[in-house]
Amino acid sequence: MKKIVYTSHLEFRLKIRNIPYDLPKKIFQEAREHYHDTATGHCVAIDRCEFEGKVRDMAVTYDSKRYAVEIITVHPLKPYQKHSRINSGRWKKI
């Protein structure tokens, strides 16, 4: 498995959103859904997990490099976001 690296942007977002430090790595490793975001060129992993007392879809945006996976950001998805981005063609399943 490739090494998982957190960007400084991700570390900042973890602090301001009060997201547990290991959660992005867990989401990436356990996600059953991975997409290519045609608008940004990044990849997105989605997994359901508990966050702020609710079970919800969480998205991790990442780039897969030759020797590492660089996680860029993490955020909870609103209920309509995933379906909207898939249906519009913005997210393509990988």
N, C-alpha and C. Protein backbone atom coordinates (compact mmCIF):
# COMPACT_ATOMS: atom_id res chain seq x y z
N MET A 1 0.84 -1.18 0.00
CA MET A 1 0.00 0.00 0.00
C MET A 1 0.88 1.25 0.00
N LYS A 2 0.44 2.26 -0.71
CA LYS A 2 1.18 3.52 -0.77
C LYS A 2 1.11 4.26 0.57
N LYS A 3 2.13 5.04 0.81
CA LYS A 3 2.15 5.89 2.00
C LYS A 3 1.05 6.95 1.87
N ILE A 4 0.40 7.29 2.98
CA ILE A 4 -0.63 8.33 2.98
C ILE A 4 -0.06 9.59 3.62
N VAL A 5 -0.13 10.69 2.87
CA VAL A 5 0.45 11.96 3.30
C VAL A 5 -0.68 12.98 3.43
N TYR A 6 -0.66 13.76 4.51
CA TYR A 6 -1.63 14.84 4.71
C TYR A 6 -1.02 16.15 4.25
N THR A 7 -1.77 16.93 3.49
CA THR A 7 -1.30 18.26 3.10
C THR A 7 -1.49 19.22 4.27
N SER A 8 -0.82 20.35 4.21
CA SER A 8 -0.99 21.37 5.27
C SER A 8 -2.42 21.90 5.26
N HIS A 9 -3.03 21.96 4.07
CA HIS A 9 -4.43 22.40 3.98
C HIS A 9 -5.35 21.44 4.75
N LEU A 10 -5.12 20.13 4.58
CA LEU A 10 -5.92 19.15 5.30
C LEU A 10 -5.74 19.30 6.80
N GLU A 11 -4.51 19.46 7.25
CA GLU A 11 -4.27 19.58 8.69
C GLU A 11 -4.97 20.82 9.25
N PHE A 12 -5.00 21.90 8.50
CA PHE A 12 -5.72 23.11 8.91
C PHE A 12 -7.22 22.82 9.00
N ARG A 13 -7.78 22.15 7.98
CA ARG A 13 -9.21 21.83 7.96
C ARG A 13 -9.59 20.90 9.11
N LEU A 14 -8.73 19.95 9.45
CA LEU A 14 -9.02 19.07 10.58
C LEU A 14 -9.20 19.86 11.86
N LYS A 15 -8.35 20.86 12.04
CA LYS A 15 -8.42 21.69 13.26
C LYS A 15 -9.69 22.53 13.28
N ILE A 16 -9.98 23.24 12.19
CA ILE A 16 -11.12 24.16 12.24
C ILE A 16 -12.47 23.44 12.19
N ARG A 17 -12.49 22.21 11.66
CA ARG A 17 -13.75 21.45 11.60
C ARG A 17 -13.87 20.45 12.74
N ASN A 18 -12.87 20.40 13.61
CA ASN A 18 -12.85 19.44 14.73
C ASN A 18 -13.04 18.00 14.27
N ILE A 19 -12.31 17.63 13.23
CA ILE A 19 -12.36 16.28 12.69
C ILE A 19 -11.18 15.50 13.27
N PRO A 20 -11.43 14.28 13.78
CA PRO A 20 -10.33 13.48 14.33
C PRO A 20 -9.21 13.28 13.30
N TYR A 21 -7.97 13.34 13.78
CA TYR A 21 -6.80 13.32 12.90
C TYR A 21 -6.75 12.09 12.00
N ASP A 22 -7.11 10.92 12.50
CA ASP A 22 -6.99 9.68 11.72
C ASP A 22 -8.19 9.44 10.80
N LEU A 23 -9.25 10.24 10.90
CA LEU A 23 -10.45 9.98 10.11
C LEU A 23 -10.23 10.04 8.60
N PRO A 24 -9.51 11.02 8.04
CA PRO A 24 -9.30 11.01 6.58
C PRO A 24 -8.62 9.74 6.07
N LYS A 25 -7.63 9.27 6.80
CA LYS A 25 -6.92 8.05 6.42
C LYS A 25 -7.89 6.86 6.46
N LYS A 26 -8.70 6.78 7.49
CA LYS A 26 -9.68 5.70 7.64
C LYS A 26 -10.69 5.75 6.49
N ILE A 27 -11.19 6.94 6.17
CA ILE A 27 -12.14 7.09 5.07
C ILE A 27 -11.52 6.61 3.77
N PHE A 28 -10.30 7.06 3.48
CA PHE A 28 -9.62 6.65 2.25
C PHE A 28 -9.45 5.14 2.17
N GLN A 29 -8.99 4.53 3.26
CA GLN A 29 -8.70 3.10 3.25
C GLN A 29 -9.95 2.23 3.21
N GLU A 30 -11.05 2.70 3.80
CA GLU A 30 -12.25 1.87 3.90
C GLU A 30 -13.34 2.22 2.88
N ALA A 31 -13.12 3.29 2.11
CA ALA A 31 -14.14 3.75 1.16
C ALA A 31 -14.44 2.69 0.11
N ARG A 32 -15.73 2.51 -0.16
CA ARG A 32 -16.16 1.59 -1.23
C ARG A 32 -16.41 2.35 -2.51
N GLU A 33 -16.42 3.68 -2.41
CA GLU A 33 -16.67 4.51 -3.59
C GLU A 33 -15.50 5.45 -3.82
N HIS A 34 -14.94 5.40 -5.02
CA HIS A 34 -13.87 6.31 -5.44
C HIS A 34 -14.28 6.90 -6.78
N TYR A 35 -14.08 8.21 -6.90
CA TYR A 35 -14.47 8.92 -8.12
C TYR A 35 -13.32 9.82 -8.59
N HIS A 36 -13.34 10.12 -9.89
CA HIS A 36 -12.46 11.14 -10.44
C HIS A 36 -13.33 12.38 -10.62
N ASP A 37 -12.89 13.51 -10.05
CA ASP A 37 -13.62 14.77 -10.17
C ASP A 37 -13.13 15.47 -11.43
N THR A 38 -13.99 15.52 -12.45
CA THR A 38 -13.60 16.09 -13.73
C THR A 38 -13.42 17.60 -13.67
N ALA A 39 -13.98 18.26 -12.66
CA ALA A 39 -13.84 19.71 -12.52
C ALA A 39 -12.49 20.10 -11.92
N THR A 40 -11.97 19.26 -11.00
CA THR A 40 -10.73 19.62 -10.31
C THR A 40 -9.54 18.77 -10.73
N GLY A 41 -9.81 17.58 -11.29
CA GLY A 41 -8.74 16.66 -11.62
C GLY A 41 -8.30 15.80 -10.46
N HIS A 42 -8.87 16.02 -9.28
CA HIS A 42 -8.53 15.22 -8.09
C HIS A 42 -9.42 13.99 -8.04
N CYS A 43 -9.11 13.10 -7.12
CA CYS A 43 -9.94 11.94 -6.84
C CYS A 43 -10.69 12.18 -5.54
N VAL A 44 -11.83 11.48 -5.39
CA VAL A 44 -12.67 11.63 -4.20
C VAL A 44 -13.02 10.23 -3.70
N ALA A 45 -12.82 10.01 -2.40
CA ALA A 45 -13.23 8.76 -1.75
C ALA A 45 -14.37 9.11 -0.80
N ILE A 46 -15.40 8.27 -0.79
CA ILE A 46 -16.57 8.53 0.05
C ILE A 46 -16.83 7.32 0.93
N ASP A 47 -17.07 7.59 2.21
CA ASP A 47 -17.42 6.53 3.15
C ASP A 47 -18.41 7.09 4.16
N ARG A 48 -19.25 6.22 4.69
CA ARG A 48 -20.18 6.62 5.75
C ARG A 48 -19.48 6.41 7.08
N CYS A 49 -19.54 7.43 7.93
CA CYS A 49 -18.94 7.31 9.25
C CYS A 49 -19.63 8.28 10.20
N GLU A 50 -19.35 8.10 11.48
CA GLU A 50 -19.94 8.98 12.47
C GLU A 50 -19.13 10.26 12.57
N PHE A 51 -19.83 11.39 12.49
CA PHE A 51 -19.21 12.70 12.62
C PHE A 51 -20.22 13.64 13.25
N GLU A 52 -19.82 14.29 14.32
CA GLU A 52 -20.68 15.21 15.06
C GLU A 52 -22.00 14.56 15.47
N GLY A 53 -21.90 13.31 15.94
CA GLY A 53 -23.06 12.62 16.47
C GLY A 53 -24.02 12.04 15.44
N LYS A 54 -23.67 12.12 14.17
CA LYS A 54 -24.53 11.59 13.11
C LYS A 54 -23.71 10.68 12.21
N VAL A 55 -24.36 9.68 11.62
CA VAL A 55 -23.72 8.85 10.61
C VAL A 55 -24.01 9.52 9.27
N ARG A 56 -22.95 9.88 8.58
CA ARG A 56 -23.12 10.62 7.32
C ARG A 56 -22.03 10.28 6.33
N ASP A 57 -22.27 10.63 5.07
CA ASP A 57 -21.24 10.46 4.04
C ASP A 57 -20.17 11.52 4.24
N MET A 58 -18.92 11.08 4.22
CA MET A 58 -17.78 12.00 4.31
C MET A 58 -16.95 11.81 3.05
N ALA A 59 -16.45 12.91 2.51
CA ALA A 59 -15.64 12.88 1.29
C ALA A 59 -14.21 13.28 1.61
N VAL A 60 -13.28 12.53 1.05
CA VAL A 60 -11.86 12.83 1.14
C VAL A 60 -11.40 13.11 -0.29
N THR A 61 -10.82 14.27 -0.51
CA THR A 61 -10.26 14.61 -1.82
C THR A 61 -8.77 14.30 -1.77
N TYR A 62 -8.27 13.61 -2.81
CA TYR A 62 -6.87 13.17 -2.78
C TYR A 62 -6.28 13.10 -4.19
N ASP A 63 -4.96 13.05 -4.22
CA ASP A 63 -4.22 12.79 -5.45
C ASP A 63 -3.39 11.54 -5.24
N SER A 64 -3.40 10.65 -6.20
CA SER A 64 -2.60 9.44 -6.13
C SER A 64 -1.30 9.69 -6.89
N LYS A 65 -0.22 9.77 -6.15
CA LYS A 65 1.10 9.98 -6.74
C LYS A 65 1.78 8.62 -6.92
N ARG A 66 2.96 8.63 -7.46
CA ARG A 66 3.66 7.37 -7.74
C ARG A 66 3.89 6.54 -6.47
N TYR A 67 4.36 7.18 -5.40
CA TYR A 67 4.71 6.44 -4.19
C TYR A 67 3.83 6.80 -2.99
N ALA A 68 2.87 7.68 -3.17
CA ALA A 68 2.06 8.11 -2.02
C ALA A 68 0.69 8.58 -2.47
N VAL A 69 -0.22 8.58 -1.53
CA VAL A 69 -1.53 9.19 -1.71
C VAL A 69 -1.51 10.47 -0.87
N GLU A 70 -1.78 11.58 -1.52
CA GLU A 70 -1.76 12.88 -0.85
C GLU A 70 -3.20 13.30 -0.61
N ILE A 71 -3.62 13.31 0.66
CA ILE A 71 -4.98 13.71 0.99
C ILE A 71 -5.01 15.22 1.13
N ILE A 72 -5.91 15.84 0.37
CA ILE A 72 -5.97 17.29 0.26
C ILE A 72 -6.94 17.90 1.25
N THR A 73 -8.15 17.30 1.35
CA THR A 73 -9.15 17.85 2.28
C THR A 73 -10.17 16.78 2.62
N VAL A 74 -10.98 17.07 3.61
CA VAL A 74 -12.05 16.18 4.04
C VAL A 74 -13.23 17.04 4.46
N HIS A 75 -14.43 16.57 4.15
CA HIS A 75 -15.62 17.31 4.59
C HIS A 75 -16.84 16.41 4.53
N PRO A 76 -17.85 16.71 5.36
CA PRO A 76 -19.10 15.97 5.28
C PRO A 76 -19.85 16.38 4.01
N LEU A 77 -20.54 15.42 3.41
CA LEU A 77 -21.34 15.72 2.22
C LEU A 77 -22.78 16.00 2.64
N LYS A 78 -23.38 16.98 2.02
CA LYS A 78 -24.80 17.21 2.20
C LYS A 78 -25.53 16.09 1.46
N PRO A 79 -26.75 15.75 1.89
CA PRO A 79 -27.44 14.60 1.30
C PRO A 79 -27.54 14.61 -0.22
N TYR A 80 -27.70 15.75 -0.83
CA TYR A 80 -27.88 15.81 -2.29
C TYR A 80 -26.56 15.91 -3.07
N GLN A 81 -25.46 16.25 -2.43
CA GLN A 81 -24.22 16.54 -3.14
C GLN A 81 -23.69 15.37 -3.96
N LYS A 82 -23.63 14.20 -3.36
CA LYS A 82 -23.06 13.04 -4.06
C LYS A 82 -23.88 12.74 -5.32
N HIS A 83 -25.18 12.62 -5.18
CA HIS A 83 -26.02 12.28 -6.33
C HIS A 83 -25.98 13.35 -7.40
N SER A 84 -25.95 14.59 -6.99
CA SER A 84 -25.90 15.70 -7.94
C SER A 84 -24.62 15.66 -8.77
N ARG A 85 -23.50 15.41 -8.11
CA ARG A 85 -22.21 15.40 -8.82
C ARG A 85 -22.04 14.17 -9.71
N ILE A 86 -22.63 13.06 -9.30
CA ILE A 86 -22.59 11.86 -10.14
C ILE A 86 -23.50 12.06 -11.36
N ASN A 87 -24.72 12.50 -11.11
CA ASN A 87 -25.70 12.67 -12.20
C ASN A 87 -25.28 13.73 -13.21
N SER A 88 -24.57 14.76 -12.76
CA SER A 88 -24.13 15.81 -13.68
C SER A 88 -22.92 15.37 -14.52
N GLY A 89 -22.29 14.26 -14.11
CA GLY A 89 -21.10 13.79 -14.81
C GLY A 89 -19.81 14.36 -14.26
N ARG A 90 -19.91 15.18 -13.24
CA ARG A 90 -18.70 15.75 -12.64
C ARG A 90 -17.85 14.67 -12.00
N TRP A 91 -18.47 13.74 -11.29
CA TRP A 91 -17.75 12.63 -10.66
C TRP A 91 -17.93 11.37 -11.51
N LYS A 92 -16.80 10.79 -11.91
CA LYS A 92 -16.79 9.53 -12.69
C LYS A 92 -16.21 8.43 -11.81
N LYS A 93 -16.93 7.31 -11.70
CA LYS A 93 -16.50 6.19 -10.85
C LYS A 93 -15.17 5.62 -11.35
N ILE A 94 -14.28 5.34 -10.41
CA ILE A 94 -12.99 4.71 -10.77
C ILE A 94 -12.83 3.41 -10.02
